[in-house]
Amino acid sequence: MDAVKAEGTWDGGVRLSCADTSTEVAIVIEGLLEAVGFDVDVEIVPGNGLVAQVINDHDYDIACWSLSLQDYQAAGRWSSPSASWATATPA
């Protein structure tokens, strides 16, 4: 990181965008990143705002993000080219 900063093309800063329901997670991630030299600017936004910022606008450096899956939604379904986001109720 020091070498890249020395080049003068990047100051080590990153934006961490997290939903207002994940402020504790944001604090932990900020601390971990700062411990290795990043200058972190934390943005706490409403959940719907984070979805728009990440999915629609692609306006983020790092985002607190997750996707919940049910037990019946096997990983193989997500890796298939014909996988659908919609799932049937398990039998």
Protein backbone atom coordinates (compact mmCIF):
# COMPACT_ATOMS: atom_id res chain seq x y z
CA MET A 1 0.00 0.00 0.00
CA ASP A 2 2.82 2.39 0.84
CA ALA A 3 4.31 1.92 -2.64
CA VAL A 4 1.02 2.77 -4.34
CA LYS A 5 0.49 5.80 -2.10
CA ALA A 6 4.04 6.94 -2.91
CA GLU A 7 3.20 6.95 -6.63
CA GLY A 8 0.75 9.74 -5.90
CA THR A 9 -2.14 8.23 -7.87
CA TRP A 10 -4.13 7.07 -4.83
CA ASP A 11 -4.26 8.41 -1.29
CA GLY A 12 -5.32 5.15 0.37
CA GLY A 13 -8.92 6.26 0.78
CA VAL A 14 -11.94 4.00 0.33
CA ARG A 15 -15.66 4.51 0.87
CA LEU A 16 -17.39 1.88 2.98
CA SER A 17 -21.16 1.97 2.39
CA CYS A 18 -23.37 0.12 4.87
CA ALA A 19 -27.08 0.04 5.62
CA ASP A 20 -28.34 1.78 8.74
CA THR A 21 -29.06 -1.68 10.18
CA SER A 22 -25.36 -2.63 9.97
CA THR A 23 -23.60 0.16 11.85
CA GLU A 24 -21.75 -2.28 14.14
CA VAL A 25 -20.46 -4.19 11.12
CA ALA A 26 -19.32 -0.92 9.55
CA ILE A 27 -17.35 -0.02 12.69
CA VAL A 28 -15.58 -3.39 12.70
CA ILE A 29 -14.73 -3.29 8.98
CA GLU A 30 -13.53 0.31 9.29
CA GLY A 31 -11.19 -0.68 12.12
CA LEU A 32 -9.80 -3.65 10.22
CA LEU A 33 -9.14 -1.59 7.11
CA GLU A 34 -7.58 1.30 9.01
CA ALA A 35 -5.31 -1.15 10.87
CA VAL A 36 -3.63 -2.01 7.57
CA GLY A 37 -3.36 1.57 6.32
CA PHE A 38 -6.60 2.45 4.55
CA ASP A 39 -8.25 5.83 5.10
CA VAL A 40 -11.92 4.80 5.43
CA ASP A 41 -14.89 7.09 4.86
CA VAL A 42 -17.96 5.30 6.27
CA GLU A 43 -21.32 6.06 4.65
CA ILE A 44 -24.37 4.83 6.59
CA VAL A 45 -27.43 4.86 4.32
CA PRO A 46 -31.01 3.53 4.54
CA GLY A 47 -31.31 -0.09 3.36
CA ASN A 48 -33.20 0.79 0.17
CA GLY A 49 -30.62 3.49 -0.53
CA LEU A 50 -27.82 0.95 -0.27
CA VAL A 51 -29.57 -1.37 -2.71
CA ALA A 52 -29.90 1.47 -5.22
CA GLN A 53 -26.31 2.61 -4.64
CA VAL A 54 -24.86 -0.87 -5.19
CA ILE A 55 -27.20 -2.54 -7.69
CA ASN A 56 -28.46 0.37 -9.76
CA ASP A 57 -25.77 3.05 -9.56
CA HIS A 58 -22.64 0.93 -8.97
CA ASP A 59 -21.49 3.82 -6.77
CA TYR A 60 -19.40 2.25 -4.01
CA ASP A 61 -15.87 1.10 -3.18
CA ILE A 62 -16.76 -1.44 -0.47
CA ALA A 63 -20.28 -2.28 0.71
CA CYS A 64 -21.73 -4.23 3.63
CA TRP A 65 -23.83 -6.69 1.70
CA SER A 66 -25.37 -10.11 2.13
CA LEU A 67 -27.78 -12.48 0.50
CA SER A 68 -29.88 -14.87 2.54
CA LEU A 69 -30.53 -18.37 1.26
CA GLN A 70 -32.82 -21.03 2.60
CA ASP A 71 -31.55 -24.57 3.20
CA TYR A 72 -33.35 -25.87 0.14
CA GLN A 73 -31.62 -23.36 -2.15
CA ALA A 74 -28.56 -25.46 -2.94
CA ALA A 75 -25.40 -23.77 -4.21
CA GLY A 76 -25.61 -25.74 -7.45
CA ARG A 77 -28.72 -23.85 -8.45
CA TRP A 78 -26.86 -20.53 -8.23
CA SER A 79 -23.98 -21.73 -10.40
CA SER A 80 -26.19 -23.03 -13.19
CA PRO A 81 -26.47 -20.80 -16.30
CA SER A 82 -30.23 -21.33 -16.24
CA ALA A 83 -30.58 -20.56 -12.51
CA SER A 84 -33.47 -18.37 -11.55
CA TRP A 85 -33.77 -15.98 -8.61
CA ALA A 86 -37.27 -17.35 -8.08
CA THR A 87 -37.52 -20.61 -6.21
CA ALA A 88 -40.29 -23.12 -5.81
CA THR A 89 -41.53 -24.16 -2.39
CA PRO A 90 -39.72 -27.34 -1.37
CA ALA A 91 -41.70 -30.58 -1.47
